[in-house]
Amino acid sequence: MLPELALDRLKKACSIREYCQFDIEQKLQNWGVDFITSQNIISELISENFLNEERYAKSFTNDKVNLSYWGKHKIIQNLRAKRVSQYNINIAISSIDEARYAQVIEHVFIVKMKVLKQSYKRLTLNQKISTFMLSRGFSYDEFKDLLSK
């Protein structure tokens, strides 16, 4: 693919939604663009503010907390998989509204409790819910008070 065409396509894609640098590198690699050209394209996208890792990390975090109901640990793990810098991950995690995050924890817990409550005894129920909440990326300290209710 021609570099000018790839740049135009990526500008259009980046204006529609947020991408991280890793996603753009993957797209360019799939399109058969060589490494040096892809780095030049990425540099141009960054300089024109089409590509911004901090903005991507904040957007990703916001979407995963509010739409997918993920916990901080799962968000951090996925941002690391996208090769987002630790600095940008820290900024994104600190941007989470703690009141909203507490609501999400409680909502996820209550919904799962309703599903499992009829099928299991109290001890097994607590184990199942704990496993589920941990798999969603919430730390035990964040939901342990809900287990005792």
Protein backbone atom coordinates (compact mmCIF):
# COMPACT_ATOMS: atom_id res chain seq x y z
CA MET A 1 0.00 0.00 0.00
CA LEU A 2 1.23 3.48 -0.78
CA PRO A 3 2.31 5.48 2.27
CA GLU A 4 0.07 8.44 1.32
CA LEU A 5 -2.97 6.17 1.05
CA ALA A 6 -2.14 4.48 4.36
CA LEU A 7 -1.74 7.86 6.05
CA ASP A 8 -5.08 9.10 4.70
CA ARG A 9 -6.86 5.92 5.81
CA LEU A 10 -5.34 6.12 9.27
CA LYS A 11 -6.22 9.80 9.65
CA LYS A 12 -9.81 8.96 8.83
CA ALA A 13 -9.83 5.98 11.21
CA CYS A 14 -8.22 7.98 14.04
CA SER A 15 -10.75 10.77 13.62
CA ILE A 16 -13.58 8.26 14.12
CA ARG A 17 -12.24 6.51 17.23
CA GLU A 18 -9.17 6.34 19.44
CA TYR A 19 -6.30 4.02 18.57
CA CYS A 20 -3.07 3.29 20.38
CA GLN A 21 0.27 3.20 18.65
CA PHE A 22 0.36 -0.60 18.83
CA ASP A 23 -2.97 -0.85 16.93
CA ILE A 24 -1.66 1.45 14.21
CA GLU A 25 1.59 -0.52 13.93
CA GLN A 26 -0.45 -3.72 13.50
CA LYS A 27 -2.60 -2.15 10.79
CA LEU A 28 0.44 -0.91 8.89
CA GLN A 29 2.13 -4.28 9.20
CA ASN A 30 -0.99 -6.03 7.89
CA TRP A 31 -1.07 -3.62 4.96
CA GLY A 32 2.53 -4.53 4.12
CA VAL A 33 4.06 -1.14 4.90
CA ASP A 34 7.76 -1.40 5.78
CA PHE A 35 9.00 -0.53 9.27
CA ILE A 36 10.70 2.81 8.52
CA THR A 37 7.72 4.09 6.54
CA SER A 38 5.32 2.97 9.25
CA GLN A 39 7.36 4.83 11.89
CA ASN A 40 7.25 7.97 9.73
CA ILE A 41 3.47 7.63 9.37
CA ILE A 42 3.06 7.14 13.12
CA SER A 43 5.24 10.19 13.80
CA GLU A 44 3.07 12.27 11.50
CA LEU A 45 -0.13 11.01 13.16
CA ILE A 46 1.29 11.94 16.55
CA SER A 47 2.47 15.37 15.44
CA GLU A 48 -0.97 16.16 13.97
CA ASN A 49 -2.62 14.85 17.18
CA PHE A 50 -4.53 12.06 15.45
CA LEU A 51 -2.71 9.59 17.70
CA ASN A 52 -2.39 10.26 21.42
CA GLU A 53 -1.62 7.46 23.89
CA GLU A 54 -2.85 9.37 26.95
CA ARG A 55 -6.16 10.17 25.28
CA TYR A 56 -6.46 6.53 24.16
CA ALA A 57 -5.74 5.20 27.66
CA LYS A 58 -8.32 7.53 29.24
CA SER A 59 -10.93 6.64 26.64
CA PHE A 60 -10.24 2.90 26.97
CA THR A 61 -10.45 3.11 30.76
CA ASN A 62 -13.67 5.11 30.71
CA ASP A 63 -15.32 2.70 28.26
CA LYS A 64 -14.26 -0.42 30.15
CA VAL A 65 -15.43 0.91 33.53
CA ASN A 66 -18.74 2.36 32.35
CA LEU A 67 -19.73 -0.01 29.53
CA SER A 68 -17.99 -3.33 30.20
CA TYR A 69 -17.88 -3.05 34.00
CA TRP A 70 -14.22 -3.99 34.29
CA GLY A 71 -12.04 -3.46 37.34
CA LYS A 72 -8.77 -1.57 37.46
CA HIS A 73 -6.58 -4.68 37.33
CA LYS A 74 -8.13 -5.98 34.13
CA ILE A 75 -7.92 -2.52 32.54
CA ILE A 76 -4.24 -2.22 33.45
CA GLN A 77 -3.53 -5.69 32.09
CA ASN A 78 -5.21 -4.90 28.77
CA LEU A 79 -3.48 -1.53 28.41
CA ARG A 80 -0.14 -3.24 29.01
CA ALA A 81 -1.01 -5.76 26.30
CA LYS A 82 -1.53 -2.79 23.97
CA ARG A 83 1.95 -1.56 24.98
CA VAL A 84 0.69 1.67 26.51
CA SER A 85 3.33 3.29 28.74
CA GLN A 86 3.04 2.93 32.49
CA TYR A 87 2.90 6.72 32.80
CA ASN A 88 -0.22 6.88 30.59
CA ILE A 89 -1.75 3.90 32.38
CA ASN A 90 -1.32 5.65 35.72
CA ILE A 91 -2.93 8.82 34.36
CA ALA A 92 -5.87 6.83 32.96
CA ILE A 93 -6.42 4.85 36.16
CA SER A 94 -6.28 8.01 38.27
CA SER A 95 -8.93 9.59 36.02
CA ILE A 96 -11.55 7.01 37.10
CA ASP A 97 -14.38 8.59 39.06
CA GLU A 98 -14.22 6.72 42.37
CA ALA A 99 -17.93 7.17 43.14
CA ARG A 100 -18.89 5.73 39.75
CA TYR A 101 -16.34 2.93 40.18
CA ALA A 102 -17.90 1.98 43.54
CA GLN A 103 -21.33 1.89 41.85
CA VAL A 104 -19.96 -0.40 39.15
CA ILE A 105 -18.48 -2.78 41.74
CA GLU A 106 -21.76 -2.94 43.61
CA HIS A 107 -23.80 -3.37 40.42
CA VAL A 108 -21.64 -6.22 39.11
CA PHE A 109 -21.68 -7.90 42.53
CA ILE A 110 -25.46 -7.66 42.94
CA VAL A 111 -26.21 -8.91 39.43
CA LYS A 112 -23.92 -11.92 39.86
CA MET A 113 -25.30 -12.58 43.34
CA LYS A 114 -28.86 -12.73 41.97
CA VAL A 115 -27.80 -15.22 39.30
CA LEU A 116 -25.93 -17.52 41.68
CA LYS A 117 -27.93 -17.15 44.91
CA GLN A 118 -30.53 -19.78 44.09
CA SER A 119 -28.01 -22.46 43.16
CA TYR A 120 -25.33 -22.46 45.86
CA LYS A 121 -24.86 -22.50 49.63
CA ARG A 122 -23.31 -19.45 51.32
CA LEU A 123 -19.66 -20.63 51.38
CA THR A 124 -19.69 -21.84 47.78
CA LEU A 125 -21.57 -18.72 46.75
CA ASN A 126 -18.88 -16.48 48.25
CA GLN A 127 -16.18 -18.46 46.45
CA LYS A 128 -17.99 -18.26 43.12
CA ILE A 129 -18.63 -14.53 43.43
CA SER A 130 -15.07 -13.85 44.56
CA THR A 131 -13.69 -15.74 41.58
CA PHE A 132 -15.99 -13.86 39.23
CA MET A 133 -15.15 -10.43 40.68
CA LEU A 134 -11.43 -11.16 40.54
CA SER A 135 -11.75 -12.27 36.92
CA ARG A 136 -13.45 -8.94 36.17
CA GLY A 137 -10.37 -7.14 37.49
CA PHE A 138 -11.62 -6.01 40.89
CA SER A 139 -9.34 -6.49 43.88
CA TYR A 140 -10.62 -8.42 46.87
CA ASP A 141 -10.39 -5.31 49.05
CA GLU A 142 -12.79 -3.51 46.71
CA PHE A 143 -15.64 -6.01 47.16
CA LYS A 144 -14.97 -7.82 50.46
CA ASP A 145 -17.48 -5.65 52.34
CA LEU A 146 -20.21 -6.74 49.95
CA LEU A 147 -19.52 -10.42 50.69
CA SER A 148 -20.47 -10.02 54.33
CA LYS A 149 -23.88 -8.50 53.57
